Protein backbone atom coordinates (compact mmCIF):
# COMPACT_ATOMS: atom_id res chain seq x y z
CA UNK A 1 0.11 -0.13 0.23
CA UNK A 2 1.13 3.36 -0.28
CA UNK A 3 -0.01 7.25 -0.34
CA UNK A 4 -0.23 9.18 -3.53
CA UNK A 5 0.55 12.91 -4.09
CA UNK A 6 -2.15 14.36 -6.68
CA UNK A 7 -1.75 17.64 -8.37
CA UNK A 8 -3.54 19.81 -6.03
CA UNK A 9 0.63 19.96 -4.41
CA UNK A 10 2.09 23.08 -4.96
CA UNK A 11 5.61 21.89 -4.47
CA UNK A 12 6.89 23.17 -0.73
CA UNK A 13 8.66 21.04 -0.21
CA UNK A 14 7.26 20.25 3.71
CA UNK A 15 6.88 16.30 3.16
CA UNK A 16 10.28 15.83 1.40
CA UNK A 17 12.24 15.76 4.81
CA UNK A 18 9.58 13.93 6.77
CA UNK A 19 9.33 11.16 4.79
CA UNK A 20 10.58 7.98 7.49
CA UNK A 21 11.57 5.91 3.86
CA UNK A 22 12.46 8.43 1.79
CA UNK A 23 9.78 7.25 -0.84
CA UNK A 24 8.77 11.06 -2.25
CA UNK A 25 10.51 12.44 -4.88
CA UNK A 26 10.43 15.92 -6.95
CA UNK A 27 8.46 16.74 -10.74
CA UNK A 28 7.65 18.78 -12.47
CA UNK A 29 4.37 18.59 -12.15
CA UNK A 30 4.32 17.86 -8.44
CA UNK A 31 5.67 15.51 -6.25
CA UNK A 32 5.09 12.26 -6.11
CA UNK A 33 5.81 8.95 -3.85
CA UNK A 34 7.23 5.56 -4.57
CA UNK A 35 4.79 3.35 -4.03
CA UNK A 36 7.65 0.21 -3.91
CA UNK A 37 9.11 2.32 -1.13
CA UNK A 38 6.19 3.95 0.94
CA UNK A 39 4.98 2.26 4.33
CA UNK A 40 2.46 4.14 5.13
CA UNK A 41 4.71 5.54 7.97
CA UNK A 42 3.46 1.64 9.39
CA UNK A 43 5.93 1.33 12.06
CA UNK A 44 7.56 4.52 12.28
CA UNK A 45 4.22 6.74 13.33
CA UNK A 46 0.96 6.17 13.88
CA UNK A 47 -0.03 9.53 11.89
CA UNK A 48 0.61 9.70 7.66
CA UNK A 49 4.17 12.13 8.35
CA UNK A 50 3.39 13.18 4.91
CA UNK A 51 -0.13 14.29 5.40
CA UNK A 52 0.49 15.56 9.08
CA UNK A 53 2.76 18.53 7.42
CA UNK A 54 0.52 19.23 4.03
CA UNK A 55 -0.47 22.38 4.02
CA UNK A 56 -2.77 21.59 1.01
CA UNK A 57 -6.04 20.34 1.74
CA UNK A 58 -7.00 17.19 -0.26
CA UNK A 59 -3.37 16.74 -1.80
CA UNK A 60 -2.36 13.61 -0.33
CA UNK A 61 -4.35 10.21 -0.56
CA UNK A 62 -4.82 6.79 0.80
CA UNK A 63 -4.20 3.69 -0.78
CA UNK A 64 -8.32 3.83 -1.27
CA UNK A 65 -8.51 6.66 -2.85
CA UNK A 66 -9.21 9.41 -0.20
CA UNK A 67 -8.24 12.19 0.76
CA UNK A 68 -5.84 11.76 4.70
CA UNK A 69 -6.01 15.92 5.00
CA UNK A 70 -8.99 16.67 3.63
CA UNK A 71 -10.66 19.35 2.83
CA UNK A 72 -11.63 21.31 6.55
CA UNK A 73 -9.28 19.28 8.70
CA UNK A 74 -6.50 21.76 8.21
CA UNK A 75 -8.71 25.01 9.61
CA UNK A 76 -11.62 23.14 11.61
CA UNK A 77 -14.00 24.67 9.29
CA UNK A 78 -17.11 22.63 7.95
CA UNK A 79 -16.93 22.50 4.35
CA UNK A 80 -20.57 22.94 5.17
CA UNK A 81 -19.60 26.44 7.03
CA UNK A 82 -16.84 27.76 4.83
CA UNK A 83 -19.63 27.68 1.70
CA UNK A 84 -21.88 29.49 4.03
CA UNK A 85 -19.32 32.47 4.71
CA UNK A 86 -18.00 32.70 1.20
CA UNK A 87 -21.53 32.85 -0.16
CA UNK A 88 -22.50 35.38 2.25
CA UNK A 89 -18.78 37.27 1.13
CA UNK A 90 -19.43 37.03 -2.74
CA UNK A 91 -22.96 38.53 -1.80
CA UNK A 92 -21.37 42.21 -0.24
């Protein structure tokens, strides 16, 4: 199993030094994960280190294709509340 970094990645380099298996590498469009090296931090950490440091919500997916750090996870604001606030701001 391995995590996947998708095109939302901004190549900020935050994840690179925290990967215990050195599975993350840089490409032109965005960082990628070598699935042969990725251990999902098993045996090293309880949490995915790449997702714990990633400042972009939804940029890292688990083996099931689900965002490890989904939208709202960094801010703590539920998506519904964020949508309501954005709609209110745009109405003014």
